[in-house]
Protein backbone atom coordinates (compact mmCIF):
# COMPACT_ATOMS: atom_id res chain seq x y z
CA MET A 1 61.40 110.90 104.54
CA ARG A 2 65.09 110.01 104.44
CA SER A 3 68.06 112.40 104.79
CA ASP A 4 70.39 112.95 102.15
CA PRO A 5 73.40 110.73 102.19
CA THR A 6 76.51 111.74 104.30
CA TYR A 7 80.09 110.24 103.39
CA ARG A 8 82.74 109.48 105.64
CA GLN A 9 86.16 107.29 105.79
CA ALA A 10 85.55 104.09 107.83
CA VAL A 11 87.73 103.59 110.88
CA ALA A 12 88.54 100.69 113.18
CA HIS A 13 85.29 100.56 115.12
CA ASP A 14 83.41 100.30 111.74
CA HIS A 15 84.92 96.85 111.32
CA ALA A 16 81.64 95.09 111.88
CA LEU A 17 79.39 97.13 109.71
CA VAL A 18 81.79 96.98 106.81
CA VAL A 19 81.97 93.12 107.05
CA ALA A 20 78.15 92.85 107.17
CA MET A 21 77.80 95.01 104.02
CA LEU A 22 80.27 93.03 102.34
CA ALA A 23 78.63 89.84 103.16
CA GLU A 24 75.58 91.33 101.45
CA LEU A 25 77.74 91.88 98.46
CA VAL A 26 79.09 88.37 98.48
CA ASP A 27 75.32 87.15 98.65
CA GLU A 28 74.19 89.31 95.98
CA LEU A 29 77.04 88.42 93.47
CA GLY A 30 76.18 84.78 93.97
CA THR A 31 79.86 84.02 93.57
CA THR A 32 80.78 80.46 92.33
CA ASP A 33 83.60 80.49 94.91
CA ASN A 34 82.82 79.34 98.41
CA PRO A 35 80.85 82.17 99.83
CA ALA A 36 80.80 81.09 103.26
CA GLN A 37 84.70 80.94 103.35
CA LEU A 38 84.82 84.42 101.79
CA LYS A 39 82.61 85.60 104.54
CA ILE A 40 84.88 84.24 107.03
CA GLN A 41 87.97 85.79 105.24
CA LEU A 42 86.22 89.21 105.20
CA HIS A 43 86.79 89.77 109.08
CA GLU A 44 90.64 89.80 108.84
CA ASP A 45 90.79 91.22 105.17
CA ILE A 46 88.58 94.30 106.54
CA ARG A 47 90.76 94.55 109.77
CA ALA A 48 93.92 94.60 107.89
CA ALA A 49 92.30 97.08 105.46
CA LEU A 50 91.13 99.45 108.03
CA ALA A 51 94.64 99.50 109.67
CA SER A 52 96.77 100.05 106.38
CA PRO A 53 97.88 103.37 105.24
CA ARG A 54 97.47 102.23 101.76
CA VAL A 55 93.84 101.37 101.95
CA ARG A 56 90.78 103.71 102.32
CA ILE A 57 87.18 102.64 102.80
CA PHE A 58 84.60 105.22 102.30
CA LEU A 59 81.10 104.97 103.72
CA ALA A 60 77.84 106.40 102.59
CA GLU A 61 75.17 106.64 105.36
CA VAL A 62 71.46 107.80 105.68
CA ASP A 63 70.37 109.00 108.95
CA GLY A 64 73.51 107.52 110.41
CA VAL A 65 72.89 104.07 108.86
CA PRO A 66 75.48 102.76 106.48
CA ILE A 67 74.02 101.98 103.08
CA GLY A 68 77.06 101.77 100.71
CA LEU A 69 80.86 101.70 100.74
CA GLY A 70 83.76 102.01 98.27
CA ARG A 71 87.27 100.55 98.93
CA ALA A 72 90.42 102.10 97.58
CA ASP A 73 93.61 100.36 97.64
CA VAL A 74 97.16 101.77 96.45
CA LEU A 75 98.80 98.87 94.64
CA ILE A 76 102.67 98.82 94.78
CA ASN A 77 104.64 97.38 91.86
CA ASP A 78 101.67 96.30 90.07
CA PRO A 79 102.76 94.37 86.91
CA ILE A 80 100.58 96.28 84.67
CA PHE A 81 102.46 99.44 85.52
CA ARG A 82 106.01 97.96 85.68
CA LEU A 83 107.31 99.99 82.80
CA ARG A 84 105.92 103.36 83.79
CA GLY A 85 108.00 105.71 85.96
CA ASP A 86 105.42 105.33 88.88
CA HIS A 87 104.80 101.69 89.53
CA ARG A 88 101.89 102.37 92.00
CA CYS A 89 98.13 102.56 90.87
CA GLY A 90 94.79 102.94 92.47
CA TYR A 91 92.60 99.97 92.66
CA ILE A 92 88.93 100.24 93.27
CA ASP A 93 87.57 97.21 95.10
CA GLN A 94 84.48 96.18 96.98
CA MET A 95 82.22 98.87 95.69
CA PHE A 96 78.66 98.33 97.02
CA VAL A 97 75.28 100.30 97.41
CA GLN A 98 72.45 98.48 98.95
CA LYS A 99 69.56 98.05 96.32
CA ALA A 100 67.14 100.30 97.98
CA PHE A 101 69.56 103.20 97.46
CA ARG A 102 70.92 102.74 93.89
CA GLN A 103 70.34 104.99 90.95
CA ARG A 104 70.84 107.99 93.29
CA GLY A 105 74.39 109.01 92.58
CA ILE A 106 75.70 107.43 95.89
CA GLY A 107 78.09 104.89 94.00
CA ALA A 108 79.28 107.64 91.87
CA GLU A 109 80.12 109.68 94.95
CA LEU A 110 81.79 106.79 96.62
CA MET A 111 83.77 106.51 93.40
CA ARG A 112 84.82 110.16 93.30
CA ARG A 113 86.04 109.91 96.77
CA CYS A 114 88.20 106.91 95.99
CA GLU A 115 89.60 108.65 93.13
CA ALA A 116 90.20 111.94 94.87
CA TRP A 117 92.25 109.90 97.73
CA PHE A 118 94.27 108.32 94.74
CA ARG A 119 95.06 111.85 93.49
CA GLU A 120 95.99 113.07 96.91
CA GLN A 121 98.54 110.20 96.98
CA GLY A 122 99.99 111.29 93.71
CA ILE A 123 98.56 108.33 91.75
CA GLY A 124 97.59 108.93 88.16
CA HIS A 125 95.89 105.70 87.25
CA SER A 126 93.19 103.60 88.72
CA LEU A 127 91.87 100.10 87.69
CA LEU A 128 89.19 97.82 88.92
CA HIS A 129 87.49 94.44 88.21
CA ALA A 130 83.81 94.62 87.63
CA ALA A 131 80.72 92.28 87.73
CA PRO A 132 79.33 92.14 84.17
CA ARG A 133 76.09 93.91 85.40
CA ALA A 134 78.15 96.82 86.68
CA LEU A 135 80.15 97.62 83.55
CA GLU A 136 77.74 100.50 82.67
CA PHE A 137 78.24 102.08 86.09
CA TYR A 138 81.86 102.02 85.79
CA ALA A 139 81.61 103.32 82.23
CA ARG A 140 79.59 106.41 83.38
CA SER A 141 82.64 107.06 85.69
CA GLY A 142 85.12 107.04 82.72
CA TYR A 143 86.41 103.55 83.07
CA VAL A 144 87.08 101.62 79.98
CA GLN A 145 87.36 98.02 79.48
CA ASN A 146 90.88 96.64 78.63
CA ARG A 147 92.26 93.26 77.39
CA GLU A 148 92.19 91.32 80.61
CA MET A 149 90.72 87.87 80.68
CA LEU A 150 90.27 85.22 83.43
CA LYS A 151 90.42 81.50 83.40
CA ARG A 152 89.82 79.21 86.40
CA LEU A 153 92.42 76.59 86.54
């Protein structure tokens, strides 16, 4: 029988396990971009994220084994918020829970931890980009679709 999940902030020595989980995410998303190149870039991206005061990566673990993560970035001078008094906003990135652990509230708890950290930073807005299949998950967390569109050039 598995234990209940525990949650913690990732630190520098978690680099390899964070990269491994994000490689799973790249594979699962089946991105049309070059997945091999994305996986190579993950190493430096995560190294920089773990060292940055503007990024937090939260881990979910069961019996000490990582099963999910959520990344929270503080964006500075984001153009979406350029006309507001505070040009900062929270950005939820790289939310992932392994398939065997989904539908148990783990992703929602990771999301709450990201949002709580944003509030601690005095940030009042959060945004994200979602895979189409994740829209319902984010809607349950209170996120609403906006007018953003994307075109590959």
